[in-house]
Amino acid sequence: MRLSRLVSLMFAAALLLANAPLAYRLDTRASEVTAKVAFIGIASKTAGFPRMSGSVSIVPDDPGLAKIDVVLDARALTAPDKVTLERLRGEKFFWVERYPTVRFTGERLVMRDARRGEIKGTLTARGVSRPETLLVTFERPPAQATGGQPITLSGRMQIDRREYGMTAYSLIVGRTVDIRLTARMIPA
């Protein structure tokens, strides 16, 4: 009788562990976020966000329960030239003195196939929070995650900068911002 109880307890524990979330943190040295916008209708400008932090929680048996939290340090953003950099950091765009971070919190992962999906979440920039969708492609299917190996993904999101209060220079700077990321998540 004791043996059957022990086996039952071990089986129950294995089921609980199989559904336990796997925790990861962003490997900042191997991750990158850029934001590209049309400029004068014939060119583009790209800003980079080299300083960031983040975490991901994945449940391999139910990827829909995935959670993501990525914070970009807007004060450290980079731009192709000094004038663009000053404008981006200034009051008319990111206003980094008042809003030093940009944040994306993903609450739901919808897989389209084994490696591609959409993360539904909230983007906060310049004090404005809006629902956004990050299209992602995983290097390996997240359902195969074990918690012992890194997870690498690439993602893309398009936003309207005006919805975040960045309305300046509308005649020369496009309104659609193409955000791209490459993220390497390592076990926490």
N, C-alpha and C. Protein backbone atom coordinates (compact mmCIF):
# COMPACT_ATOMS: atom_id res chain seq x y z
N MET A 1 0.82 -1.19 0.00
CA MET A 1 0.00 0.00 0.00
C MET A 1 0.87 1.26 0.00
N ARG A 2 1.91 1.25 0.82
CA ARG A 2 2.79 2.41 0.88
C ARG A 2 3.47 2.66 -0.46
N LEU A 3 3.87 1.59 -1.12
CA LEU A 3 4.53 1.73 -2.41
C LEU A 3 3.60 2.38 -3.43
N SER A 4 2.34 1.99 -3.44
CA SER A 4 1.40 2.57 -4.41
C SER A 4 1.17 4.05 -4.11
N ARG A 5 1.15 4.43 -2.84
CA ARG A 5 1.01 5.85 -2.49
C ARG A 5 2.25 6.64 -2.92
N LEU A 6 3.40 6.07 -2.69
CA LEU A 6 4.64 6.72 -3.09
C LEU A 6 4.68 6.91 -4.61
N VAL A 7 4.31 5.89 -5.34
CA VAL A 7 4.28 5.99 -6.80
C VAL A 7 3.27 7.06 -7.23
N SER A 8 2.11 7.10 -6.59
CA SER A 8 1.09 8.11 -6.91
C SER A 8 1.61 9.51 -6.63
N LEU A 9 2.28 9.69 -5.50
CA LEU A 9 2.85 11.00 -5.18
C LEU A 9 3.93 11.40 -6.18
N MET A 10 4.77 10.47 -6.55
CA MET A 10 5.82 10.77 -7.52
C MET A 10 5.21 11.13 -8.88
N PHE A 11 4.16 10.43 -9.27
CA PHE A 11 3.49 10.73 -10.54
C PHE A 11 2.86 12.12 -10.49
N ALA A 12 2.21 12.45 -9.38
CA ALA A 12 1.59 13.77 -9.22
C ALA A 12 2.66 14.87 -9.25
N ALA A 13 3.78 14.63 -8.58
CA ALA A 13 4.86 15.62 -8.58
C ALA A 13 5.42 15.81 -9.98
N ALA A 14 5.57 14.72 -10.72
CA ALA A 14 6.07 14.82 -12.10
C ALA A 14 5.12 15.62 -12.97
N LEU A 15 3.81 15.44 -12.79
CA LEU A 15 2.83 16.22 -13.55
C LEU A 15 2.93 17.70 -13.21
N LEU A 16 3.06 18.01 -11.93
CA LEU A 16 3.18 19.41 -11.52
C LEU A 16 4.44 20.04 -12.09
N LEU A 17 5.54 19.31 -12.04
CA LEU A 17 6.80 19.84 -12.56
C LEU A 17 6.75 20.01 -14.08
N ALA A 18 6.03 19.12 -14.76
CA ALA A 18 5.93 19.22 -16.22
C ALA A 18 5.22 20.50 -16.63
N ASN A 19 4.31 21.00 -15.80
CA ASN A 19 3.57 22.21 -16.12
C ASN A 19 4.14 23.44 -15.43
N ALA A 20 5.26 23.29 -14.74
CA ALA A 20 5.86 24.43 -14.04
C ALA A 20 6.49 25.38 -15.06
N PRO A 21 6.33 26.69 -14.84
CA PRO A 21 6.95 27.65 -15.76
C PRO A 21 8.47 27.59 -15.69
N LEU A 22 9.11 27.76 -16.84
CA LEU A 22 10.56 27.82 -16.91
C LEU A 22 10.95 29.29 -16.97
N ALA A 23 11.87 29.68 -16.11
CA ALA A 23 12.26 31.10 -16.00
C ALA A 23 13.56 31.36 -16.76
N TYR A 24 13.55 32.46 -17.51
CA TYR A 24 14.71 32.90 -18.28
C TYR A 24 14.93 34.39 -18.05
N ARG A 25 16.17 34.82 -18.29
CA ARG A 25 16.46 36.25 -18.25
C ARG A 25 17.16 36.62 -19.55
N LEU A 26 17.05 37.88 -19.91
CA LEU A 26 17.61 38.38 -21.16
C LEU A 26 19.13 38.42 -21.09
N ASP A 27 19.79 37.82 -22.06
CA ASP A 27 21.24 37.92 -22.20
C ASP A 27 21.51 39.20 -22.99
N THR A 28 21.81 40.27 -22.29
CA THR A 28 21.92 41.58 -22.93
C THR A 28 23.08 41.68 -23.92
N ARG A 29 24.11 40.88 -23.72
CA ARG A 29 25.25 40.92 -24.65
C ARG A 29 24.92 40.30 -26.00
N ALA A 30 23.93 39.43 -26.03
CA ALA A 30 23.57 38.73 -27.27
C ALA A 30 22.18 39.13 -27.77
N SER A 31 21.68 40.27 -27.32
CA SER A 31 20.35 40.73 -27.70
C SER A 31 20.43 42.14 -28.28
N GLU A 32 19.46 42.47 -29.14
CA GLU A 32 19.49 43.77 -29.80
C GLU A 32 18.06 44.22 -30.11
N VAL A 33 17.82 45.52 -29.95
CA VAL A 33 16.53 46.12 -30.31
C VAL A 33 16.82 47.36 -31.14
N THR A 34 16.13 47.47 -32.29
CA THR A 34 16.26 48.66 -33.14
C THR A 34 14.88 49.18 -33.50
N ALA A 35 14.82 50.46 -33.82
CA ALA A 35 13.59 51.12 -34.26
C ALA A 35 13.92 51.92 -35.51
N LYS A 36 13.22 51.62 -36.60
CA LYS A 36 13.50 52.24 -37.90
C LYS A 36 12.27 53.01 -38.37
N VAL A 37 12.51 54.21 -38.90
CA VAL A 37 11.41 55.05 -39.38
C VAL A 37 11.81 55.68 -40.71
N ALA A 38 10.82 55.86 -41.59
CA ALA A 38 11.07 56.52 -42.87
C ALA A 38 11.47 57.97 -42.64
N PHE A 39 12.37 58.47 -43.48
CA PHE A 39 12.87 59.83 -43.36
C PHE A 39 12.83 60.49 -44.73
N ILE A 40 12.12 61.57 -44.84
CA ILE A 40 11.94 62.34 -46.07
C ILE A 40 11.36 61.48 -47.21
N GLY A 41 10.75 60.38 -46.89
CA GLY A 41 10.10 59.54 -47.88
C GLY A 41 11.01 58.73 -48.77
N ILE A 42 12.31 58.96 -48.73
CA ILE A 42 13.23 58.22 -49.61
C ILE A 42 14.35 57.51 -48.86
N ALA A 43 14.44 57.74 -47.58
CA ALA A 43 15.49 57.13 -46.77
C ALA A 43 14.88 56.69 -45.44
N SER A 44 15.72 56.25 -44.54
CA SER A 44 15.25 55.88 -43.21
C SER A 44 16.33 56.18 -42.18
N LYS A 45 15.91 56.23 -40.93
CA LYS A 45 16.83 56.40 -39.80
C LYS A 45 16.54 55.28 -38.82
N THR A 46 17.60 54.74 -38.23
CA THR A 46 17.46 53.64 -37.29
C THR A 46 18.11 54.01 -35.96
N ALA A 47 17.37 53.83 -34.90
CA ALA A 47 17.89 54.03 -33.54
C ALA A 47 18.09 52.66 -32.90
N GLY A 48 19.05 52.58 -32.00
CA GLY A 48 19.31 51.34 -31.29
C GLY A 48 19.13 51.52 -29.79
N PHE A 49 18.83 50.42 -29.11
CA PHE A 49 18.66 50.43 -27.66
C PHE A 49 19.63 49.39 -27.08
N PRO A 50 20.88 49.78 -26.83
CA PRO A 50 21.88 48.82 -26.39
C PRO A 50 21.76 48.37 -24.94
N ARG A 51 21.09 49.15 -24.10
CA ARG A 51 20.94 48.76 -22.68
C ARG A 51 19.51 48.34 -22.43
N MET A 52 19.38 47.11 -21.92
CA MET A 52 18.06 46.56 -21.66
C MET A 52 18.13 45.49 -20.60
N SER A 53 16.98 45.12 -20.10
CA SER A 53 16.86 44.00 -19.17
C SER A 53 15.55 43.30 -19.47
N GLY A 54 15.42 42.07 -19.01
CA GLY A 54 14.17 41.39 -19.28
C GLY A 54 14.11 39.99 -18.73
N SER A 55 12.90 39.47 -18.71
CA SER A 55 12.67 38.11 -18.23
C SER A 55 11.54 37.48 -19.05
N VAL A 56 11.58 36.15 -19.11
CA VAL A 56 10.55 35.39 -19.81
C VAL A 56 10.22 34.18 -18.96
N SER A 57 8.95 33.83 -18.94
CA SER A 57 8.47 32.63 -18.28
C SER A 57 7.71 31.82 -19.32
N ILE A 58 8.11 30.56 -19.52
CA ILE A 58 7.48 29.70 -20.53
C ILE A 58 7.00 28.41 -19.87
N VAL A 59 5.80 27.99 -20.22
CA VAL A 59 5.26 26.70 -19.81
C VAL A 59 5.25 25.84 -21.08
N PRO A 60 6.20 24.91 -21.23
CA PRO A 60 6.31 24.15 -22.48
C PRO A 60 5.01 23.46 -22.89
N ASP A 61 4.26 22.92 -21.94
CA ASP A 61 3.01 22.24 -22.28
C ASP A 61 1.90 23.20 -22.68
N ASP A 62 2.05 24.47 -22.34
CA ASP A 62 1.03 25.47 -22.68
C ASP A 62 1.71 26.81 -22.96
N PRO A 63 2.32 26.97 -24.15
CA PRO A 63 3.03 28.21 -24.48
C PRO A 63 2.17 29.46 -24.35
N GLY A 64 0.86 29.32 -24.44
CA GLY A 64 -0.04 30.46 -24.30
C GLY A 64 0.09 31.16 -22.97
N LEU A 65 0.63 30.48 -21.98
CA LEU A 65 0.81 31.06 -20.65
C LEU A 65 2.13 31.82 -20.51
N ALA A 66 2.88 31.93 -21.59
CA ALA A 66 4.17 32.63 -21.54
C ALA A 66 3.99 34.08 -21.11
N LYS A 67 4.96 34.57 -20.36
CA LYS A 67 5.01 35.97 -19.92
C LYS A 67 6.36 36.53 -20.34
N ILE A 68 6.35 37.79 -20.76
CA ILE A 68 7.60 38.45 -21.14
C ILE A 68 7.60 39.87 -20.59
N ASP A 69 8.75 40.30 -20.14
CA ASP A 69 8.90 41.67 -19.63
C ASP A 69 10.27 42.17 -20.07
N VAL A 70 10.27 43.15 -20.98
CA VAL A 70 11.52 43.71 -21.49
C VAL A 70 11.52 45.22 -21.25
N VAL A 71 12.59 45.72 -20.65
CA VAL A 71 12.73 47.15 -20.36
C VAL A 71 13.96 47.67 -21.10
N LEU A 72 13.74 48.70 -21.93
CA LEU A 72 14.82 49.35 -22.66
C LEU A 72 15.19 50.64 -21.97
N ASP A 73 16.47 50.91 -21.83
CA ASP A 73 16.94 52.16 -21.25
C ASP A 73 17.00 53.20 -22.37
N ALA A 74 15.98 54.06 -22.44
CA ALA A 74 15.90 55.06 -23.51
C ALA A 74 17.02 56.09 -23.42
N ARG A 75 17.58 56.29 -22.23
CA ARG A 75 18.68 57.25 -22.07
C ARG A 75 19.92 56.81 -22.83
N ALA A 76 20.04 55.51 -23.08
CA ALA A 76 21.23 54.97 -23.75
C ALA A 76 21.02 54.77 -25.25
N LEU A 77 19.88 55.23 -25.78
CA LEU A 77 19.61 54.97 -27.19
C LEU A 77 20.69 55.56 -28.08
N THR A 78 20.88 54.94 -29.22
CA THR A 78 21.88 55.38 -30.19
C THR A 78 21.18 55.80 -31.48
N ALA A 79 21.83 56.64 -32.25
CA ALA A 79 21.28 57.12 -33.53
C ALA A 79 22.44 57.34 -34.49
N PRO A 80 22.14 57.45 -35.79
CA PRO A 80 23.21 57.56 -36.78
C PRO A 80 23.99 58.87 -36.77
N ASP A 81 23.43 59.91 -36.15
CA ASP A 81 24.14 61.19 -36.10
C ASP A 81 23.72 61.96 -34.84
N LYS A 82 24.52 62.96 -34.50
CA LYS A 82 24.32 63.71 -33.25
C LYS A 82 22.99 64.46 -33.23
N VAL A 83 22.59 65.07 -34.34
CA VAL A 83 21.34 65.83 -34.38
C VAL A 83 20.15 64.90 -34.14
N THR A 84 20.13 63.75 -34.82
CA THR A 84 19.04 62.79 -34.63
C THR A 84 19.02 62.29 -33.19
N LEU A 85 20.18 62.01 -32.64
CA LEU A 85 20.27 61.53 -31.26
C LEU A 85 19.68 62.55 -30.29
N GLU A 86 20.06 63.81 -30.43
CA GLU A 86 19.54 64.85 -29.54
C GLU A 86 18.02 64.99 -29.67
N ARG A 87 17.52 64.92 -30.89
CA ARG A 87 16.07 65.02 -31.10
C ARG A 87 15.34 63.83 -30.49
N LEU A 88 15.86 62.63 -30.70
CA LEU A 88 15.20 61.44 -30.14
C LEU A 88 15.18 61.46 -28.62
N ARG A 89 16.24 61.93 -28.01
CA ARG A 89 16.29 61.99 -26.54
C ARG A 89 15.48 63.16 -25.98
N GLY A 90 15.15 64.11 -26.83
CA GLY A 90 14.47 65.33 -26.39
C GLY A 90 12.98 65.19 -26.16
N GLU A 91 12.39 66.31 -25.77
CA GLU A 91 10.99 66.39 -25.35
C GLU A 91 9.99 66.00 -26.45
N LYS A 92 10.35 66.17 -27.70
CA LYS A 92 9.41 65.89 -28.79
C LYS A 92 9.34 64.41 -29.18
N PHE A 93 10.29 63.63 -28.69
CA PHE A 93 10.26 62.20 -28.99
C PHE A 93 10.26 61.40 -27.68
N PHE A 94 11.36 60.77 -27.31
CA PHE A 94 11.34 59.92 -26.12
C PHE A 94 11.33 60.68 -24.80
N TRP A 95 11.80 61.91 -24.78
CA TRP A 95 11.86 62.75 -23.59
C TRP A 95 12.45 61.95 -22.43
N VAL A 96 13.69 61.54 -22.63
CA VAL A 96 14.34 60.60 -21.72
C VAL A 96 14.55 61.13 -20.31
N GLU A 97 14.60 62.44 -20.15
CA GLU A 97 14.73 63.00 -18.79
C GLU A 97 13.49 62.68 -17.96
N ARG A 98 12.35 62.68 -18.60
CA ARG A 98 11.10 62.42 -17.89
C ARG A 98 10.67 60.94 -17.97
N TYR A 99 10.95 60.30 -19.11
CA TYR A 99 10.55 58.90 -19.34
C TYR A 99 11.79 58.10 -19.74
N PRO A 100 12.57 57.65 -18.77
CA PRO A 100 13.86 57.03 -19.08
C PRO A 100 13.79 55.61 -19.64
N THR A 101 12.60 54.98 -19.64
CA THR A 101 12.52 53.61 -20.13
C THR A 101 11.38 53.43 -21.13
N VAL A 102 11.52 52.39 -21.92
CA VAL A 102 10.47 51.88 -22.80
C VAL A 102 10.27 50.44 -22.37
N ARG A 103 9.00 50.01 -22.24
CA ARG A 103 8.76 48.67 -21.69
C ARG A 103 7.71 47.92 -22.52
N PHE A 104 7.97 46.63 -22.73
CA PHE A 104 6.98 45.75 -23.33
C PHE A 104 6.71 44.61 -22.37
N THR A 105 5.45 44.44 -22.02
CA THR A 105 5.05 43.30 -21.19
C THR A 105 4.10 42.45 -22.01
N GLY A 106 4.49 41.23 -22.26
CA GLY A 106 3.67 40.30 -23.03
C GLY A 106 2.92 39.38 -22.09
N GLU A 107 1.64 39.25 -22.33
CA GLU A 107 0.78 38.46 -21.44
C GLU A 107 0.27 37.18 -22.08
N ARG A 108 0.40 37.06 -23.40
CA ARG A 108 -0.18 35.90 -24.05
C ARG A 108 0.59 35.59 -25.33
N LEU A 109 1.01 34.35 -25.46
CA LEU A 109 1.70 33.89 -26.67
C LEU A 109 0.74 33.00 -27.44
N VAL A 110 0.49 33.36 -28.70
CA VAL A 110 -0.35 32.55 -29.58
C VAL A 110 0.57 31.97 -30.65
N MET A 111 0.77 30.66 -30.62
CA MET A 111 1.65 30.02 -31.59
C MET A 111 0.90 29.80 -32.90
N ARG A 112 1.55 30.14 -34.03
CA ARG A 112 0.97 29.93 -35.36
C ARG A 112 1.46 28.61 -35.96
N ASP A 113 2.63 28.19 -35.57
CA ASP A 113 3.16 26.87 -35.89
C ASP A 113 4.20 26.56 -34.81
N ALA A 114 5.03 25.57 -35.00
CA ALA A 114 5.95 25.14 -33.94
C ALA A 114 6.95 26.22 -33.53
N ARG A 115 7.30 27.13 -34.46
CA ARG A 115 8.32 28.13 -34.16
C ARG A 115 7.85 29.58 -34.25
N ARG A 116 6.73 29.85 -34.89
CA ARG A 116 6.27 31.23 -35.09
C ARG A 116 5.02 31.50 -34.28
N GLY A 117 4.97 32.73 -33.75
CA GLY A 117 3.80 33.09 -32.97
C GLY A 117 3.66 34.59 -32.81
N GLU A 118 2.70 34.98 -32.01
CA GLU A 118 2.43 36.38 -31.70
C GLU A 118 2.36 36.53 -30.19
N ILE A 119 3.04 37.54 -29.68
CA ILE A 119 2.95 37.85 -28.26
C ILE A 119 2.09 39.09 -28.12
N LYS A 120 0.95 38.92 -27.47
CA LYS A 120 0.02 40.03 -27.23
C LYS A 120 0.44 40.67 -25.91
N GLY A 121 0.56 42.00 -25.93
CA GLY A 121 1.00 42.65 -24.70
C GLY A 121 0.78 44.14 -24.73
N THR A 122 1.53 44.84 -23.88
CA THR A 122 1.41 46.28 -23.73
C THR A 122 2.78 46.92 -23.90
N LEU A 123 2.84 47.92 -24.76
CA LEU A 123 4.05 48.71 -24.94
C LEU A 123 3.84 50.04 -24.25
N THR A 124 4.82 50.43 -23.43
CA THR A 124 4.76 51.73 -22.75
C THR A 124 5.97 52.54 -23.18
N ALA A 125 5.69 53.70 -23.77
CA ALA A 125 6.75 54.63 -24.20
C ALA A 125 6.25 56.04 -23.95
N ARG A 126 7.11 56.86 -23.40
CA ARG A 126 6.78 58.27 -23.17
C ARG A 126 5.55 58.43 -22.29
N GLY A 127 5.37 57.48 -21.36
CA GLY A 127 4.25 57.55 -20.43
C GLY A 127 2.93 57.07 -20.98
N VAL A 128 2.91 56.57 -22.22
CA VAL A 128 1.68 56.09 -22.85
C VAL A 128 1.76 54.57 -22.97
N SER A 129 0.73 53.88 -22.51
CA SER A 129 0.66 52.42 -22.62
C SER A 129 -0.44 52.03 -23.59
N ARG A 130 -0.08 51.16 -24.55
CA ARG A 130 -1.05 50.74 -25.57
C ARG A 130 -0.88 49.25 -25.85
N PRO A 131 -1.98 48.57 -26.21
CA PRO A 131 -1.85 47.16 -26.60
C PRO A 131 -1.11 47.06 -27.94
N GLU A 132 -0.19 46.13 -28.02
CA GLU A 132 0.58 45.90 -29.25
C GLU A 132 0.83 44.40 -29.39
N THR A 133 1.20 43.99 -30.58
CA THR A 133 1.50 42.59 -30.86
C THR A 133 2.91 42.47 -31.41
N LEU A 134 3.69 41.59 -30.81
CA LEU A 134 5.05 41.31 -31.25
C LEU A 134 5.03 39.98 -32.01
N LEU A 135 5.35 40.01 -33.30
CA LEU A 135 5.45 38.79 -34.11
C LEU A 135 6.81 38.17 -33.84
N VAL A 136 6.84 36.90 -33.45
CA VAL A 136 8.10 36.27 -33.06
C VAL A 136 8.36 34.98 -33.83
N THR A 137 9.65 34.69 -33.99
CA THR A 137 10.10 33.42 -34.54
C THR A 137 11.16 32.88 -33.59
N PHE A 138 10.92 31.70 -33.05
CA PHE A 138 11.85 31.06 -32.14
C PHE A 138 12.86 30.23 -32.93
N GLU A 139 14.09 30.19 -32.46
CA GLU A 139 15.11 29.35 -33.10
C GLU A 139 14.71 27.88 -33.01
N ARG A 140 14.17 27.49 -31.85
CA ARG A 140 13.66 26.13 -31.62
C ARG A 140 12.26 26.26 -31.04
N PRO A 141 11.40 25.28 -31.27
CA PRO A 141 10.04 25.37 -30.73
C PRO A 141 10.04 25.56 -29.21
N PRO A 142 9.29 26.54 -28.69
CA PRO A 142 9.25 26.75 -27.24
C PRO A 142 8.65 25.56 -26.49
N ALA A 143 7.86 24.75 -27.17
CA ALA A 143 7.29 23.56 -26.53
C ALA A 143 8.37 22.55 -26.17
N GLN A 144 9.55 22.68 -26.77
CA GLN A 144 10.67 21.78 -26.48
C GLN A 144 11.60 22.33 -25.41
N ALA A 145 11.26 23.49 -24.85
CA ALA A 145 12.13 24.11 -23.83
C ALA A 145 12.23 23.21 -22.61
N THR A 146 13.45 23.12 -22.08
CA THR A 146 13.68 22.30 -20.90
C THR A 146 14.08 23.13 -19.68
N GLY A 147 14.41 24.38 -19.91
CA GLY A 147 14.86 25.23 -18.82
C GLY A 147 16.35 25.21 -18.63
N GLY A 148 17.05 24.31 -19.33
CA GLY A 148 18.49 24.20 -19.18
C GLY A 148 19.28 24.81 -20.32
N GLN A 149 18.61 25.15 -21.42
CA GLN A 149 19.29 25.71 -22.57
C GLN A 149 18.72 27.08 -22.90
N PRO A 150 19.54 27.94 -23.53
CA PRO A 150 19.04 29.26 -23.92
C PRO A 150 17.92 29.16 -24.96
N ILE A 151 17.12 30.20 -25.01
CA ILE A 151 16.08 30.34 -26.03
C ILE A 151 16.42 31.59 -26.83
N THR A 152 16.45 31.45 -28.14
CA THR A 152 16.72 32.60 -29.01
C THR A 152 15.51 32.85 -29.88
N LEU A 153 15.15 34.13 -30.00
CA LEU A 153 14.02 34.48 -30.84
C LEU A 153 14.28 35.80 -31.54
N SER A 154 13.60 35.99 -32.64
CA SER A 154 13.61 37.28 -33.33
C SER A 154 12.17 37.77 -33.36
N GLY A 155 12.01 39.08 -33.38
CA GLY A 155 10.66 39.62 -33.35
C GLY A 155 10.55 40.92 -34.11
N ARG A 156 9.30 41.25 -34.43
CA ARG A 156 9.01 42.48 -35.17
C ARG A 156 7.66 43.03 -34.72
N MET A 157 7.62 44.35 -34.61
CA MET A 157 6.39 45.05 -34.23
C MET A 157 6.37 46.37 -34.99
N GLN A 158 5.22 46.77 -35.47
CA GLN A 158 5.08 48.09 -36.08
C GLN A 158 4.11 48.91 -35.25
N ILE A 159 4.52 50.15 -34.96
CA ILE A 159 3.67 51.03 -34.17
C ILE A 159 3.54 52.38 -34.89
N ASP A 160 2.52 53.12 -34.50
CA ASP A 160 2.34 54.50 -34.98
C ASP A 160 2.89 55.41 -33.89
N ARG A 161 3.97 56.10 -34.18
CA ARG A 161 4.64 56.92 -33.16
C ARG A 161 3.73 58.00 -32.60
N ARG A 162 2.77 58.47 -33.39
CA ARG A 162 1.85 59.52 -32.93
C ARG A 162 1.00 59.05 -31.75
N GLU A 163 0.72 57.75 -31.70
CA GLU A 163 -0.08 57.20 -30.60
C GLU A 163 0.67 57.24 -29.27
N TYR A 164 1.96 57.50 -29.32
CA TYR A 164 2.78 57.60 -28.12
C TYR A 164 3.24 59.04 -27.88
N GLY A 165 2.55 59.98 -28.50
CA GLY A 165 2.85 61.40 -28.28
C GLY A 165 4.06 61.92 -29.03
N MET A 166 4.58 61.16 -29.98
CA MET A 166 5.75 61.58 -30.76
C MET A 166 5.26 62.09 -32.11
N THR A 167 4.80 63.33 -32.13
CA THR A 167 4.16 63.89 -33.32
C THR A 167 5.02 64.88 -34.10
N ALA A 168 6.18 65.21 -33.61
CA ALA A 168 7.03 66.23 -34.25
C ALA A 168 7.53 65.78 -35.62
N TYR A 169 7.83 66.77 -36.46
CA TYR A 169 8.44 66.57 -37.77
C TYR A 169 7.63 65.62 -38.67
N SER A 170 6.32 65.75 -38.62
CA SER A 170 5.46 64.82 -39.36
C SER A 170 5.63 64.91 -40.87
N LEU A 171 6.13 66.01 -41.39
CA LEU A 171 6.32 66.12 -42.84
C LEU A 171 7.58 65.41 -43.34
N ILE A 172 8.54 65.18 -42.44
CA ILE A 172 9.79 64.54 -42.89
C ILE A 172 10.07 63.19 -42.23
N VAL A 173 9.41 62.92 -41.10
CA VAL A 173 9.62 61.66 -40.39
C VAL A 173 8.33 60.84 -40.48
N GLY A 174 8.44 59.61 -40.97
CA GLY A 174 7.28 58.74 -41.10
C GLY A 174 6.61 58.45 -39.77
N ARG A 175 5.36 58.08 -39.83
CA ARG A 175 4.63 57.80 -38.59
C ARG A 175 4.76 56.34 -38.15
N THR A 176 5.04 55.42 -39.08
CA THR A 176 5.17 54.01 -38.73
C THR A 176 6.60 53.71 -38.32
N VAL A 177 6.74 53.12 -37.14
CA VAL A 177 8.06 52.73 -36.62
C VAL A 177 8.14 51.21 -36.67
N ASP A 178 9.17 50.70 -37.32
CA ASP A 178 9.40 49.26 -37.43
C ASP A 178 10.39 48.86 -36.35
N ILE A 179 9.91 48.17 -35.34
CA ILE A 179 10.75 47.73 -34.22
C ILE A 179 11.15 46.28 -34.46
N ARG A 180 12.44 46.02 -34.35
CA ARG A 180 12.94 44.66 -34.53
C ARG A 180 13.81 44.28 -33.33
N LEU A 181 13.75 43.00 -33.00
CA LEU A 181 14.58 42.55 -31.90
C LEU A 181 15.13 41.17 -32.17
N THR A 182 16.28 40.95 -31.61
CA THR A 182 16.87 39.62 -31.51
C THR A 182 17.14 39.44 -30.03
N ALA A 183 16.60 38.38 -29.46
CA ALA A 183 16.75 38.18 -28.01
C ALA A 183 17.26 36.78 -27.72
N ARG A 184 18.23 36.73 -26.85
CA ARG A 184 18.73 35.45 -26.35
C ARG A 184 18.39 35.41 -24.87
N MET A 185 17.59 34.43 -24.50
CA MET A 185 17.16 34.27 -23.12
C MET A 185 17.92 33.09 -22.51
N ILE A 186 18.50 33.32 -21.34
CA ILE A 186 19.25 32.26 -20.68
C ILE A 186 18.54 31.86 -19.39
N PRO A 187 18.70 30.60 -18.97
CA PRO A 187 18.02 30.16 -17.75
C PRO A 187 18.33 31.08 -16.58
N ALA A 188 17.29 31.42 -15.83
CA ALA A 188 17.45 32.33 -14.69
C ALA A 188 18.00 31.60 -13.48
